[in-house]
């Protein structure tokens, strides 16, 4: 069953005085099945960030539709968008986006506080997630007291605590060293194996090689995709690398 359906997505930006039109997305169509782990790759300027912003209901398309659980994101009233995002989407960012004046625990609780949940329910939700992500010992610490890898795991916990339909991850390994990157990718794989749907935008071949499917965006369109099938991470890494080389050298694989 498709949890996310993107059909004929277009996004055109017009410069301030209307002189230039920039076509960030031309005709993007794909779907994501419930429980899938999909990575989106492409060169800078290919439209990945624009696509992610539209999927996150942070921006509206010029044309086409995005359906999440059968609901057209562009039809949601502006006054209800924040609540819809909070209830249906979890976000993991490159720079963690944790508040330094809040403890790790309070950062994770924040979406539930905004949703009006009571403390006992928040405690019930955080305990298994903190155990799964290995951050129980740091919950009372502050972001500036923990490592980058621990911050990112806290950010993942914050994304998971609302039981989202879909996690959107934007370069989640971008600010991490290699050891923390490996730990986070193992966690993402485990979370996905537990049934969580993940859509990740990344420049990292290593990160993409942990996904079940890799979509490549070029010049505002879906250029190619690779399914994991029976491939190991190493084999998928090579396939992704080869496709990126083809993208960079102007190959056409539609």
Protein backbone atom coordinates (compact mmCIF):
# COMPACT_ATOMS: atom_id res chain seq x y z
CA UNK A 1 0.00 0.00 0.00
CA UNK A 2 1.38 3.42 -0.99
CA UNK A 3 1.77 5.79 1.93
CA UNK A 4 3.13 8.61 -0.26
CA UNK A 5 2.19 9.35 -3.86
CA UNK A 6 3.88 12.12 -5.81
CA UNK A 7 2.31 12.85 -9.21
CA UNK A 8 3.55 15.27 -11.87
CA UNK A 9 5.17 17.58 -9.34
CA UNK A 10 6.33 20.94 -10.69
CA UNK A 11 7.87 23.92 -8.94
CA UNK A 12 8.71 27.17 -10.68
CA UNK A 13 10.35 30.08 -8.86
CA UNK A 14 10.06 33.57 -10.30
CA UNK A 15 12.68 36.17 -9.46
CA UNK A 16 11.61 39.21 -7.53
CA UNK A 17 10.80 41.38 -10.53
CA UNK A 18 9.51 38.51 -12.63
CA UNK A 19 12.43 38.55 -15.02
CA UNK A 20 13.60 34.97 -14.65
CA UNK A 21 11.74 31.72 -14.10
CA UNK A 22 13.65 28.89 -12.43
CA UNK A 23 12.16 25.45 -12.90
CA UNK A 24 13.29 23.58 -9.79
CA UNK A 25 11.02 20.56 -10.39
CA UNK A 26 9.71 19.66 -13.85
CA UNK A 27 7.67 16.49 -13.63
CA UNK A 28 8.44 14.36 -10.59
CA UNK A 29 6.37 11.24 -10.00
CA UNK A 30 7.04 8.35 -7.62
CA UNK A 31 5.39 6.51 -4.76
CA UNK A 32 6.64 5.16 -1.44
CA UNK A 33 5.14 2.01 0.01
CA UNK A 34 4.40 1.64 3.70
CA UNK A 35 7.52 0.32 5.45
CA UNK A 36 9.91 1.32 2.64
CA UNK A 37 13.29 2.98 3.17
CA UNK A 38 13.98 5.26 0.21
CA UNK A 39 17.01 7.47 -0.41
CA UNK A 40 16.91 10.42 -2.82
CA UNK A 41 20.15 11.51 -4.45
CA UNK A 42 21.23 14.08 -7.03
CA UNK A 43 23.77 16.81 -7.61
CA UNK A 44 23.44 20.22 -5.98
CA UNK A 45 20.74 22.16 -7.77
CA UNK A 46 18.95 19.02 -8.96
CA UNK A 47 15.79 19.83 -6.98
CA UNK A 48 16.22 17.52 -3.97
CA UNK A 49 15.78 20.25 -1.34
CA UNK A 50 12.78 21.73 -3.14
CA UNK A 51 11.21 18.28 -3.31
CA UNK A 52 11.82 17.65 0.38
CA UNK A 53 10.31 21.01 1.34
CA UNK A 54 7.15 20.20 -0.63
CA UNK A 55 6.91 16.71 0.88
CA UNK A 56 7.26 18.32 4.32
CA UNK A 57 4.37 20.69 3.52
CA UNK A 58 6.78 23.61 3.99
CA UNK A 59 6.29 24.74 0.39
CA UNK A 60 3.53 24.32 -2.19
CA UNK A 61 4.08 22.98 -5.72
CA UNK A 62 3.31 24.99 -8.85
CA UNK A 63 1.66 21.89 -10.29
CA UNK A 64 1.03 18.24 -9.49
CA UNK A 65 0.04 16.60 -6.22
CA UNK A 66 1.53 15.07 -3.09
CA UNK A 67 -0.74 12.57 -1.36
CA UNK A 68 0.10 11.29 2.13
CA UNK A 69 -2.25 8.51 3.21
CA UNK A 70 -4.62 9.66 0.49
CA UNK A 71 -4.68 13.27 1.68
CA UNK A 72 -3.64 16.00 -0.75
CA UNK A 73 -1.13 18.19 1.10
CA UNK A 74 -1.98 21.26 -0.98
CA UNK A 75 -5.62 21.06 0.15
CA UNK A 76 -4.81 21.26 3.88
CA UNK A 77 -5.75 24.64 5.33
CA UNK A 78 -2.86 26.87 6.33
CA UNK A 79 -4.18 26.94 9.90
CA UNK A 80 -3.99 23.12 10.08
CA UNK A 81 -0.62 22.55 8.38
CA UNK A 82 1.54 22.69 11.53
CA UNK A 83 -0.72 20.19 13.30
CA UNK A 84 -0.73 17.90 10.25
CA UNK A 85 3.08 17.94 10.07
CA UNK A 86 3.37 17.23 13.78
CA UNK A 87 0.93 14.31 13.68
CA UNK A 88 2.10 12.65 10.47
CA UNK A 89 5.72 13.54 9.78
CA UNK A 90 8.96 13.11 11.72
CA UNK A 91 11.99 15.20 10.76
CA UNK A 92 15.70 14.50 11.10
CA UNK A 93 18.00 17.35 10.01
CA UNK A 94 21.72 17.59 9.29
CA UNK A 95 22.24 20.19 12.03
CA UNK A 96 20.08 18.34 14.60
CA UNK A 97 17.93 21.46 15.36
CA UNK A 98 18.00 20.85 19.11
CA UNK A 99 17.38 23.71 21.55
CA UNK A 100 20.43 24.26 23.78
CA UNK A 101 18.30 25.62 26.65
CA UNK A 102 16.28 22.37 26.78
CA UNK A 103 17.55 19.05 28.10
CA UNK A 104 17.77 16.17 25.64
CA UNK A 105 14.59 14.77 27.18
CA UNK A 106 12.69 18.05 26.80
CA UNK A 107 13.87 18.39 23.20
CA UNK A 108 12.43 14.95 22.46
CA UNK A 109 9.19 15.80 24.29
CA UNK A 110 8.68 19.07 22.39
CA UNK A 111 6.33 17.82 19.62
CA UNK A 112 4.20 16.05 22.24
CA UNK A 113 4.08 19.18 24.41
CA UNK A 114 2.90 21.14 21.36
CA UNK A 115 0.27 18.45 20.76
CA UNK A 116 -1.01 18.87 24.33
CA UNK A 117 -0.06 15.38 25.60
CA UNK A 118 0.22 14.83 29.34
CA UNK A 119 3.52 14.04 31.07
CA UNK A 120 2.70 10.42 31.92
CA UNK A 121 1.99 9.61 28.27
CA UNK A 122 5.21 11.35 27.21
CA UNK A 123 7.20 9.29 29.73
CA UNK A 124 5.59 6.07 28.48
CA UNK A 125 6.56 6.92 24.92
CA UNK A 126 10.14 8.03 25.54
CA UNK A 127 11.35 5.07 27.60
CA UNK A 128 11.31 2.38 24.84
CA UNK A 129 12.59 4.84 22.20
CA UNK A 130 15.49 6.00 24.40
CA UNK A 131 16.40 2.37 25.10
CA UNK A 132 16.26 1.46 21.41
CA UNK A 133 18.46 4.42 20.45
CA UNK A 134 20.87 4.03 23.37
CA UNK A 135 20.32 7.50 24.84
CA UNK A 136 18.70 6.71 28.21
CA UNK A 137 21.84 7.85 30.06
CA UNK A 138 21.92 11.31 28.44
CA UNK A 139 18.25 12.34 28.72
CA UNK A 140 18.93 14.83 31.53
CA UNK A 141 21.95 16.34 29.78
CA UNK A 142 21.89 19.33 27.44
CA UNK A 143 22.81 19.26 23.73
CA UNK A 144 26.13 21.08 24.33
CA UNK A 145 27.14 18.32 26.77
CA UNK A 146 26.86 15.41 24.32
CA UNK A 147 28.54 14.28 21.08
CA UNK A 148 27.29 14.88 17.55
CA UNK A 149 26.21 11.26 17.24
CA UNK A 150 24.24 11.48 20.50
CA UNK A 151 22.60 14.71 19.33
CA UNK A 152 21.52 13.04 16.11
CA UNK A 153 20.10 10.05 18.00
CA UNK A 154 18.16 12.50 20.17
CA UNK A 155 16.86 14.12 16.98
CA UNK A 156 15.79 10.69 15.71
CA UNK A 157 14.01 10.06 19.02
CA UNK A 158 12.18 13.38 18.65
CA UNK A 159 11.11 12.31 15.14
CA UNK A 160 9.89 8.90 16.34
CA UNK A 161 8.02 9.94 19.48
CA UNK A 162 4.92 11.14 17.61
CA UNK A 163 4.57 7.74 15.87
CA UNK A 164 4.78 9.46 12.46
CA UNK A 165 3.50 7.91 9.25
CA UNK A 166 6.69 9.02 7.50
CA UNK A 167 10.16 10.13 8.60
CA UNK A 168 11.82 12.72 6.35
CA UNK A 169 15.59 12.86 6.84
CA UNK A 170 17.63 15.69 5.30
CA UNK A 171 21.35 14.81 5.04
CA UNK A 172 21.14 13.06 8.45
CA UNK A 173 24.81 11.97 8.40
CA UNK A 174 26.16 15.27 7.04
CA UNK A 175 27.49 16.60 10.35
CA UNK A 176 28.69 13.26 11.76
CA UNK A 177 32.07 11.55 11.82
CA UNK A 178 32.42 8.10 10.29
CA UNK A 179 31.79 6.17 13.53
CA UNK A 180 28.64 8.17 14.37
CA UNK A 181 27.51 7.84 10.73
CA UNK A 182 27.80 4.04 10.92
CA UNK A 183 25.85 3.99 14.19
CA UNK A 184 23.08 6.20 12.80
CA UNK A 185 22.74 4.15 9.61
CA UNK A 186 22.47 0.95 11.65
CA UNK A 187 19.75 2.62 13.73
CA UNK A 188 17.84 3.77 10.64
CA UNK A 189 17.96 0.22 9.26
CA UNK A 190 16.68 -1.18 12.57
CA UNK A 191 13.91 1.43 12.82
CA UNK A 192 12.88 0.63 9.26
CA UNK A 193 12.88 -3.11 9.98
CA UNK A 194 10.46 -2.35 12.82
CA UNK A 195 8.05 -0.96 10.22
CA UNK A 196 8.87 2.77 10.08
CA UNK A 197 8.73 4.33 6.60
CA UNK A 198 11.77 6.53 5.90
CA UNK A 199 12.53 8.94 3.06
CA UNK A 200 16.07 10.31 3.17
CA UNK A 201 17.72 12.99 1.03
CA UNK A 202 21.48 12.52 1.01
CA UNK A 203 24.72 13.24 -0.85
CA UNK A 204 26.34 10.28 0.90
CA UNK A 205 26.76 7.11 -1.16
CA UNK A 206 27.33 5.23 2.09
CA UNK A 207 24.03 6.47 3.55
CA UNK A 208 22.13 5.67 0.35
CA UNK A 209 23.61 2.15 0.24
CA UNK A 210 21.69 1.32 3.44
CA UNK A 211 18.30 2.10 1.87
CA UNK A 212 15.97 -0.33 0.14
CA UNK A 213 15.62 1.88 -2.95
CA UNK A 214 17.56 4.85 -4.30
CA UNK A 215 15.92 7.53 -6.47
CA UNK A 216 18.12 9.86 -8.52
CA UNK A 217 16.94 13.38 -9.35
CA UNK A 218 18.49 15.23 -12.29
CA UNK A 219 17.41 18.61 -13.67
CA UNK A 220 14.18 18.53 -11.66
CA UNK A 221 13.07 15.05 -12.75
CA UNK A 222 13.42 11.45 -11.57
CA UNK A 223 16.29 10.24 -13.73
CA UNK A 224 16.77 6.67 -12.51
CA UNK A 225 16.13 4.37 -9.55
CA UNK A 226 17.83 1.35 -8.06
CA UNK A 227 16.16 -1.33 -5.95
CA UNK A 228 18.27 -3.16 -3.38
CA UNK A 229 16.84 -6.59 -4.17
CA UNK A 230 19.35 -9.12 -2.83
CA UNK A 231 22.29 -6.71 -3.03
CA UNK A 232 24.57 -6.26 -0.03
CA UNK A 233 25.39 -2.74 1.17
CA UNK A 234 28.72 -3.02 -0.66
CA UNK A 235 27.04 -4.05 -3.93
CA UNK A 236 24.44 -1.30 -3.65
CA UNK A 237 27.22 1.19 -2.85
CA UNK A 238 28.89 0.28 -6.16
CA UNK A 239 25.63 0.58 -8.12
CA UNK A 240 24.94 4.00 -6.60
CA UNK A 241 28.50 5.16 -7.32
CA UNK A 242 28.22 4.03 -10.95
CA UNK A 243 24.90 5.87 -11.39
CA UNK A 244 26.30 9.08 -9.88
CA UNK A 245 29.26 8.86 -12.28
CA UNK A 246 26.80 8.51 -15.16
CA UNK A 247 24.86 11.53 -13.87
CA UNK A 248 28.03 13.61 -13.61
CA UNK A 249 29.22 12.66 -17.12
CA UNK A 250 25.89 13.39 -18.74
CA UNK A 251 24.78 9.81 -19.35
CA UNK A 252 21.12 9.15 -20.02
CA UNK A 253 19.47 6.22 -18.32
CA UNK A 254 15.76 7.02 -18.45
